């Protein structure tokens, strides 16, 4: 019975982490499409893909790990995932990984 219980917890943990990674990718999608396809003066913003997608995906995975650890009562694991998530947020802010193309502030009420 104990092996079955461990297997169920392992599968549940994998599902939570996969859902977190998927949520991170879905949260990135509006920024990624705008940055890649609607770049400034027709140029693509590839940093949105190369930096933004991994940061958002890893952030979703870290959030899933933290949530699963909290549910299981593993406070140290949850704290470690929270520290990693905080570092990812700091990296994202420092490198502005979700910055879309600059606004076209020409004459008129566009801005």
Protein backbone atom coordinates (compact mmCIF):
# COMPACT_ATOMS: atom_id res chain seq x y z
CA UNK A 1 0.00 0.00 0.00
CA UNK A 2 2.85 2.39 0.77
CA UNK A 3 4.38 2.04 -2.70
CA UNK A 4 1.04 2.81 -4.32
CA UNK A 5 0.62 5.88 -2.13
CA UNK A 6 4.08 7.14 -3.12
CA UNK A 7 3.29 6.53 -6.80
CA UNK A 8 0.05 8.51 -6.54
CA UNK A 9 1.86 11.41 -4.85
CA UNK A 10 4.58 11.32 -7.50
CA UNK A 11 2.07 11.41 -10.35
CA UNK A 12 0.12 14.20 -8.63
CA UNK A 13 3.32 16.21 -8.17
CA UNK A 14 4.26 15.77 -11.83
CA UNK A 15 0.79 16.88 -12.90
CA UNK A 16 0.94 19.99 -10.70
CA UNK A 17 4.39 20.92 -12.03
CA UNK A 18 3.30 20.30 -15.64
CA UNK A 19 0.23 22.47 -15.07
CA UNK A 20 2.46 25.21 -13.62
CA UNK A 21 4.78 25.07 -16.64
CA UNK A 22 1.81 25.19 -19.00
CA UNK A 23 0.35 28.15 -17.11
CA UNK A 24 3.70 29.94 -17.39
CA UNK A 25 3.77 29.39 -21.17
CA UNK A 26 0.18 30.55 -21.53
CA UNK A 27 0.95 33.67 -19.49
CA UNK A 28 3.93 34.36 -21.77
CA UNK A 29 1.99 33.88 -25.03
CA UNK A 30 0.45 37.38 -25.31
CA UNK A 31 3.83 39.03 -24.70
CA UNK A 32 5.71 36.61 -26.92
CA UNK A 33 3.42 37.02 -29.91
CA UNK A 34 3.53 40.78 -29.62
CA UNK A 35 7.32 40.89 -29.24
CA UNK A 36 8.17 38.44 -31.99
CA UNK A 37 5.68 39.39 -34.67
CA UNK A 38 5.09 43.10 -33.99
CA UNK A 39 8.62 44.27 -33.28
CA UNK A 40 9.77 47.86 -33.48
CA UNK A 41 10.02 49.04 -37.11
CA UNK A 42 9.42 45.53 -38.41
CA UNK A 43 12.29 44.01 -36.42
CA UNK A 44 11.49 41.02 -34.22
CA UNK A 45 12.29 41.17 -30.52
CA UNK A 46 13.90 37.74 -30.06
CA UNK A 47 14.83 38.44 -26.43
CA UNK A 48 11.16 37.96 -25.64
CA UNK A 49 11.51 34.37 -26.87
CA UNK A 50 15.00 33.55 -25.61
CA UNK A 51 14.59 35.14 -22.17
CA UNK A 52 10.87 35.56 -21.57
CA UNK A 53 9.67 32.04 -22.37
CA UNK A 54 12.16 30.21 -20.13
CA UNK A 55 11.61 32.65 -17.27
CA UNK A 56 7.84 32.32 -17.43
CA UNK A 57 7.95 28.53 -17.84
CA UNK A 58 10.42 28.05 -14.99
CA UNK A 59 8.36 30.46 -12.88
CA UNK A 60 5.25 28.37 -13.44
CA UNK A 61 7.15 25.20 -12.57
CA UNK A 62 8.59 26.78 -9.41
CA UNK A 63 5.13 27.98 -8.39
CA UNK A 64 3.77 24.46 -8.92
CA UNK A 65 6.56 22.95 -6.82
CA UNK A 66 5.98 25.51 -4.06
CA UNK A 67 2.24 24.85 -4.07
CA UNK A 68 2.67 21.08 -3.98
CA UNK A 69 5.25 21.33 -1.20
CA UNK A 70 2.93 23.55 0.85
CA UNK A 71 0.04 21.13 0.42
CA UNK A 72 2.26 18.26 1.57
CA UNK A 73 3.55 20.31 4.54
CA UNK A 74 7.15 20.41 3.31
CA UNK A 75 7.96 23.97 4.36
CA UNK A 76 11.66 23.88 3.50
CA UNK A 77 10.98 22.67 -0.04
CA UNK A 78 8.32 25.35 -0.44
CA UNK A 79 10.72 27.99 0.85
CA UNK A 80 13.42 26.86 -1.59
CA UNK A 81 10.99 27.02 -4.51
CA UNK A 82 9.85 30.45 -3.30
CA UNK A 83 13.44 31.71 -3.22
CA UNK A 84 13.99 30.39 -6.75
CA UNK A 85 10.77 32.05 -7.89
CA UNK A 86 11.89 35.33 -6.32
CA UNK A 87 15.24 35.07 -8.13
CA UNK A 88 13.40 34.50 -11.42
CA UNK A 89 11.25 37.57 -10.82
CA UNK A 90 14.40 39.59 -10.10
CA UNK A 91 16.02 38.30 -13.30
CA UNK A 92 12.87 39.09 -15.28
CA UNK A 93 12.69 42.63 -13.94
CA UNK A 94 16.42 43.25 -14.37
CA UNK A 95 16.46 42.13 -17.99
CA UNK A 96 12.92 43.30 -18.77
CA UNK A 97 12.11 39.93 -20.31
CA UNK A 98 8.45 40.69 -20.96
CA UNK A 99 9.02 44.05 -22.54
CA UNK A 100 7.07 44.27 -25.72
CA UNK A 101 8.03 46.47 -28.60
CA UNK A 102 8.27 50.18 -27.77
CA UNK A 103 5.17 52.24 -28.25
CA UNK A 104 4.90 54.17 -31.49
CA UNK A 105 4.59 57.65 -30.06
CA UNK A 106 4.27 59.73 -33.14
CA UNK A 107 2.23 62.86 -33.62
CA UNK A 108 -1.36 62.62 -32.57
CA UNK A 109 -3.20 60.97 -29.69
CA UNK A 110 -1.43 57.60 -30.08
CA UNK A 111 0.31 57.80 -26.68
